Amino acid sequence: MLRDGDGGDGPEVLLTRRSMELRIHRGEVSFPGGRLEPGESAVDAALREAWEEVGLDPAVVTVHGELDHLSTAVSRSYIVPVVASVDDRPALQPQSGEVDRILWVSLGELARADTFREELWGTPPMDRPIFFFELDDETIWGATARMVHQLLRLAHGLDGPEPLAW
């Protein structure tokens, strides 16, 4: 989820810190999301999960498309990232038990060299890059960092014919 930023650092992306009460990925920074319910599309699920987790009204959301699909090693999840935006600053409320904190982080902050780092995990030749975005008091990593990384590349025209326009 993207919105226009206030501070001149570009659009902002909606992230959450997952509740410490959750069984999997507790306390991690992630996008709102979850599992498909029977008969749902990826877009339907993304809108429903954003409503359930942070109270984002689906009626104010414009869906733009999907990022590359990916899988996670720990939870063995298949993820279909949906890219969407809102025009103004919706009032959001974290769902107790699921979300501890709502964060709006600018693409400009995420793109700074001192925010991003990459590590190789595993044993050569099977090692793989793991991305990290170090914010003031949060770390974005894993599948969420891979999605943020692709979004930044698209925003800067590195994964397509031209930069994304929001």
C-alpha atoms as a PDB file:
ATOM      1  CA  MET A   1       0.000   0.000   0.000  1.00  0.00           C
ATOM      2  CA  LEU A   2       1.395   3.371  -1.033  1.00  0.00           C
ATOM      3  CA  ARG A   3       0.364   6.950  -0.343  1.00  0.00           C
ATOM      4  CA  ASP A   4       1.824  10.367  -1.133  1.00  0.00           C
ATOM      5  CA  GLY A   5       4.400  11.338   1.456  1.00  0.00           C
ATOM      6  CA  ASP A   6       4.398  14.559   3.457  1.00  0.00           C
ATOM      7  CA  GLY A   7       8.111  15.081   3.956  1.00  0.00           C
ATOM      8  CA  GLY A   8       9.345  15.414   0.383  1.00  0.00           C
ATOM      9  CA  ASP A   9      10.980  11.973   0.516  1.00  0.00           C
ATOM     10  CA  GLY A  10       8.585  10.428  -1.993  1.00  0.00           C
ATOM     11  CA  PRO A  11       5.634   8.088  -1.600  1.00  0.00           C
ATOM     12  CA  GLU A  12       5.264   6.146   1.627  1.00  0.00           C
ATOM     13  CA  VAL A  13       4.629   2.435   2.006  1.00  0.00           C
ATOM     14  CA  LEU A  14       2.378   0.912   4.671  1.00  0.00           C
ATOM     15  CA  LEU A  15       4.070  -1.635   6.917  1.00  0.00           C
ATOM     16  CA  THR A  16       3.144  -3.201  10.233  1.00  0.00           C
ATOM     17  CA  ARG A  17       5.018  -4.707  13.142  1.00  0.00           C
ATOM     18  CA  ARG A  18       3.389  -8.059  13.788  1.00  0.00           C
ATOM     19  CA  SER A  19       2.098  -8.785  17.275  1.00  0.00           C
ATOM     20  CA  MET A  20       4.304 -10.651  19.734  1.00  0.00           C
ATOM     21  CA  GLU A  21       1.236 -12.834  20.401  1.00  0.00           C
ATOM     22  CA  LEU A  22       1.398 -14.437  16.950  1.00  0.00           C
ATOM     23  CA  ARG A  23       2.800 -17.933  16.478  1.00  0.00           C
ATOM     24  CA  ILE A  24       4.839 -17.227  13.318  1.00  0.00           C
ATOM     25  CA  HIS A  25       6.968 -14.177  12.450  1.00  0.00           C
ATOM     26  CA  ARG A  26       6.081 -12.484  15.755  1.00  0.00           C
ATOM     27  CA  GLY A  27       7.449  -8.962  16.130  1.00  0.00           C
ATOM     28  CA  GLU A  28       8.609  -8.791  12.513  1.00  0.00           C
ATOM     29  CA  VAL A  29       7.914  -5.897  10.157  1.00  0.00           C
ATOM     30  CA  SER A  30       5.664  -6.927   7.284  1.00  0.00           C
ATOM     31  CA  PHE A  31       2.999  -5.785   4.899  1.00  0.00           C
ATOM     32  CA  PRO A  32      -0.608  -6.465   5.881  1.00  0.00           C
ATOM     33  CA  GLY A  33      -1.491  -9.858   4.476  1.00  0.00           C
ATOM     34  CA  GLY A  34      -2.481 -13.420   5.083  1.00  0.00           C
ATOM     35  CA  ARG A  35      -3.944 -16.549   3.598  1.00  0.00           C
ATOM     36  CA  LEU A  36      -6.550 -16.783   0.853  1.00  0.00           C
ATOM     37  CA  GLU A  37     -10.046 -17.778   1.868  1.00  0.00           C
ATOM     38  CA  PRO A  38     -11.988 -20.138  -0.424  1.00  0.00           C
ATOM     39  CA  GLY A  39     -13.026 -18.379  -3.639  1.00  0.00           C
ATOM     40  CA  GLU A  40     -10.845 -15.303  -3.035  1.00  0.00           C
ATOM     41  CA  SER A  41      -8.422 -13.774  -5.501  1.00  0.00           C
ATOM     42  CA  ALA A  42      -5.072 -12.403  -4.332  1.00  0.00           C
ATOM     43  CA  VAL A  43      -6.485  -8.869  -4.610  1.00  0.00           C
ATOM     44  CA  ASP A  44      -9.595  -9.794  -2.594  1.00  0.00           C
ATOM     45  CA  ALA A  45      -7.408 -11.334   0.117  1.00  0.00           C
ATOM     46  CA  ALA A  46      -5.049  -8.333   0.223  1.00  0.00           C
ATOM     47  CA  LEU A  47      -7.942  -5.900   0.632  1.00  0.00           C
ATOM     48  CA  ARG A  48      -9.627  -8.072   3.272  1.00  0.00           C
ATOM     49  CA  GLU A  49      -6.394  -8.524   5.244  1.00  0.00           C
ATOM     50  CA  ALA A  50      -5.635  -4.775   5.168  1.00  0.00           C
ATOM     51  CA  TRP A  51      -9.151  -4.150   6.503  1.00  0.00           C
ATOM     52  CA  GLU A  52      -8.802  -6.804   9.229  1.00  0.00           C
ATOM     53  CA  GLU A  53      -5.272  -5.862  10.326  1.00  0.00           C
ATOM     54  CA  VAL A  54      -5.279  -2.054  10.160  1.00  0.00           C
ATOM     55  CA  GLY A  55      -8.856  -1.004   9.342  1.00  0.00           C
ATOM     56  CA  LEU A  56      -8.091   0.173   5.790  1.00  0.00           C
ATOM     57  CA  ASP A  57     -11.386   0.666   3.943  1.00  0.00           C
ATOM     58  CA  PRO A  58     -11.186  -1.208   0.604  1.00  0.00           C
ATOM     59  CA  ALA A  59     -13.369   1.495  -0.989  1.00  0.00           C
ATOM     60  CA  VAL A  60     -10.506   4.042  -0.795  1.00  0.00           C
ATOM     61  CA  VAL A  61      -7.898   1.725  -2.348  1.00  0.00           C
ATOM     62  CA  THR A  62      -6.708   1.719  -5.978  1.00  0.00           C
ATOM     63  CA  VAL A  63      -5.079  -1.567  -7.023  1.00  0.00           C
ATOM     64  CA  HIS A  64      -2.173  -1.229  -9.482  1.00  0.00           C
ATOM     65  CA  GLY A  65      -1.043  -4.836  -9.931  1.00  0.00           C
ATOM     66  CA  GLU A  66       1.266  -7.453  -8.468  1.00  0.00           C
ATOM     67  CA  LEU A  67       4.962  -7.800  -7.748  1.00  0.00           C
ATOM     68  CA  ASP A  68       6.815 -11.037  -8.481  1.00  0.00           C
ATOM     69  CA  HIS A  69       5.380 -13.981  -6.565  1.00  0.00           C
ATOM     70  CA  LEU A  70       7.674 -15.515  -3.940  1.00  0.00           C
ATOM     71  CA  SER A  71       7.913 -18.262  -1.345  1.00  0.00           C
ATOM     72  CA  THR A  72       9.150 -18.202   2.232  1.00  0.00           C
ATOM     73  CA  ALA A  73      11.412 -20.839   3.740  1.00  0.00           C
ATOM     74  CA  VAL A  74      10.254 -20.683   7.372  1.00  0.00           C
ATOM     75  CA  SER A  75       6.462 -20.607   7.007  1.00  0.00           C
ATOM     76  CA  ARG A  76       6.449 -22.271   3.573  1.00  0.00           C
ATOM     77  CA  SER A  77       4.079 -19.630   2.257  1.00  0.00           C
ATOM     78  CA  TYR A  78       3.509 -18.678  -1.363  1.00  0.00           C
ATOM     79  CA  ILE A  79       3.091 -14.892  -1.555  1.00  0.00           C
ATOM     80  CA  VAL A  80       1.357 -12.847  -4.245  1.00  0.00           C
ATOM     81  CA  PRO A  81       2.277  -9.221  -3.403  1.00  0.00           C
ATOM     82  CA  VAL A  82      -0.467  -6.786  -4.434  1.00  0.00           C
ATOM     83  CA  VAL A  83       0.517  -3.152  -5.069  1.00  0.00           C
ATOM     84  CA  ALA A  84      -2.137  -0.557  -4.289  1.00  0.00           C
ATOM     85  CA  SER A  85      -2.415   3.073  -3.231  1.00  0.00           C
ATOM     86  CA  VAL A  86      -4.639   5.496  -1.356  1.00  0.00           C
ATOM     87  CA  ASP A  87      -5.114   9.168  -2.205  1.00  0.00           C
ATOM     88  CA  ASP A  88      -5.086  10.662   1.254  1.00  0.00           C
ATOM     89  CA  ARG A  89      -4.120   9.703   4.781  1.00  0.00           C
ATOM     90  CA  PRO A  90      -6.647   7.122   5.948  1.00  0.00           C
ATOM     91  CA  ALA A  91      -7.286   6.733   9.656  1.00  0.00           C
ATOM     92  CA  LEU A  92      -5.873   3.327  10.573  1.00  0.00           C
ATOM     93  CA  GLN A  93      -6.071   1.273  13.748  1.00  0.00           C
ATOM     94  CA  PRO A  94      -3.858  -1.756  14.484  1.00  0.00           C
ATOM     95  CA  GLN A  95      -5.853  -4.918  15.187  1.00  0.00           C
ATOM     96  CA  SER A  96      -4.996  -6.066  18.704  1.00  0.00           C
ATOM     97  CA  GLY A  97      -3.412  -9.507  18.720  1.00  0.00           C
ATOM     98  CA  GLU A  98      -2.270  -9.223  15.086  1.00  0.00           C
ATOM     99  CA  VAL A  99      -0.529  -5.851  14.738  1.00  0.00           C
ATOM    100  CA  ASP A 100       1.501  -3.991  17.378  1.00  0.00           C
ATOM    101  CA  ARG A 101       2.361  -0.961  15.269  1.00  0.00           C
ATOM    102  CA  ILE A 102       1.528   0.726  11.952  1.00  0.00           C
ATOM    103  CA  LEU A 103       4.415   2.324  10.049  1.00  0.00           C
ATOM    104  CA  TRP A 104       4.400   4.596   6.997  1.00  0.00           C
ATOM    105  CA  VAL A 105       7.946   4.588   5.587  1.00  0.00           C
ATOM    106  CA  SER A 106       9.002   6.726   2.621  1.00  0.00           C
ATOM    107  CA  LEU A 107      10.538   5.123  -0.441  1.00  0.00           C
ATOM    108  CA  GLY A 108      13.254   7.780  -0.145  1.00  0.00           C
ATOM    109  CA  GLU A 109      14.252   6.531   3.307  1.00  0.00           C
ATOM    110  CA  LEU A 110      14.204   2.918   2.130  1.00  0.00           C
ATOM    111  CA  ALA A 111      16.387   3.799  -0.885  1.00  0.00           C
ATOM    112  CA  ARG A 112      19.165   5.443   1.154  1.00  0.00           C
ATOM    113  CA  ALA A 113      22.495   3.610   1.056  1.00  0.00           C
ATOM    114  CA  ASP A 114      22.777   3.634   4.870  1.00  0.00           C
ATOM    115  CA  THR A 115      19.386   1.904   5.207  1.00  0.00           C
ATOM    116  CA  PHE A 116      19.954  -1.091   2.906  1.00  0.00           C
ATOM    117  CA  ARG A 117      22.318  -4.027   3.282  1.00  0.00           C
ATOM    118  CA  GLU A 118      22.582  -7.455   1.697  1.00  0.00           C
ATOM    119  CA  GLU A 119      24.014 -10.673   3.151  1.00  0.00           C
ATOM    120  CA  LEU A 120      24.608 -14.071   1.574  1.00  0.00           C
ATOM    121  CA  TRP A 121      23.062 -16.888   3.601  1.00  0.00           C
ATOM    122  CA  GLY A 122      23.668 -20.584   3.068  1.00  0.00           C
ATOM    123  CA  THR A 123      26.585 -22.563   1.742  1.00  0.00           C
ATOM    124  CA  PRO A 124      28.164 -21.801  -1.647  1.00  0.00           C
ATOM    125  CA  PRO A 125      27.121 -22.456  -4.346  1.00  0.00           C
ATOM    126  CA  MET A 126      23.624 -22.655  -2.814  1.00  0.00           C
ATOM    127  CA  ASP A 127      23.841 -19.362  -0.898  1.00  0.00           C
ATOM    128  CA  ARG A 128      21.230 -16.710  -1.552  1.00  0.00           C
ATOM    129  CA  PRO A 129      21.014 -12.978  -0.966  1.00  0.00           C
ATOM    130  CA  ILE A 130      19.018 -11.796   2.045  1.00  0.00           C
ATOM    131  CA  PHE A 131      18.036  -8.122   2.073  1.00  0.00           C
ATOM    132  CA  PHE A 132      17.769  -5.888   5.143  1.00  0.00           C
ATOM    133  CA  PHE A 133      16.429  -2.358   5.534  1.00  0.00           C
ATOM    134  CA  GLU A 134      17.563  -0.854   8.845  1.00  0.00           C
ATOM    135  CA  LEU A 135      15.239   1.904  10.038  1.00  0.00           C
ATOM    136  CA  ASP A 136      15.642   3.908  13.244  1.00  0.00           C
ATOM    137  CA  ASP A 137      13.903   1.357  15.445  1.00  0.00           C
ATOM    138  CA  GLU A 138      12.854  -1.464  13.111  1.00  0.00           C
ATOM    139  CA  THR A 139      14.488  -3.920  10.710  1.00  0.00           C
ATOM    140  CA  ILE A 140      12.763  -5.077   7.544  1.00  0.00           C
ATOM    141  CA  TRP A 141      14.123  -8.385   6.260  1.00  0.00           C
ATOM    142  CA  GLY A 142      13.134 -11.677   4.632  1.00  0.00           C
ATOM    143  CA  ALA A 143      10.195 -11.807   2.239  1.00  0.00           C
ATOM    144  CA  THR A 144       9.086  -8.286   3.166  1.00  0.00           C
ATOM    145  CA  ALA A 145      12.526  -6.906   2.313  1.00  0.00           C
ATOM    146  CA  ARG A 146      12.481  -8.746  -1.026  1.00  0.00           C
ATOM    147  CA  MET A 147       9.147  -7.102  -1.865  1.00  0.00           C
ATOM    148  CA  VAL A 148      10.402  -3.665  -0.768  1.00  0.00           C
ATOM    149  CA  HIS A 149      13.573  -4.189  -2.837  1.00  0.00           C
ATOM    150  CA  GLN A 150      11.542  -4.981  -5.971  1.00  0.00           C
ATOM    151  CA  LEU A 151       9.208  -2.037  -5.352  1.00  0.00           C
ATOM    152  CA  LEU A 152      12.203   0.308  -5.095  1.00  0.00           C
ATOM    153  CA  ARG A 153      13.709  -1.081  -8.301  1.00  0.00           C
ATOM    154  CA  LEU A 154      10.395  -0.540 -10.097  1.00  0.00           C
ATOM    155  CA  ALA A 155      10.042   2.961  -8.657  1.00  0.00           C
ATOM    156  CA  HIS A 156      13.482   3.831 -10.029  1.00  0.00           C
ATOM    157  CA  GLY A 157      12.902   2.225 -13.442  1.00  0.00           C
ATOM    158  CA  LEU A 158      15.376  -0.617 -12.871  1.00  0.00           C
ATOM    159  CA  ASP A 159      12.942  -3.523 -13.442  1.00  0.00           C
ATOM    160  CA  GLY A 160      10.857  -2.116 -16.256  1.00  0.00           C
ATOM    161  CA  PRO A 161      10.870   0.192 -19.230  1.00  0.00           C
ATOM    162  CA  GLU A 162      10.262   3.294 -17.113  1.00  0.00           C
ATOM    163  CA  PRO A 163       9.825   4.312 -13.463  1.00  0.00           C
ATOM    164  CA  LEU A 164       6.450   3.733 -11.875  1.00  0.00           C
ATOM    165  CA  ALA A 165       4.264   6.805 -11.618  1.00  0.00           C
ATOM    166  CA  TRP A 166       2.079   7.138  -8.511  1.00  0.00           C
END
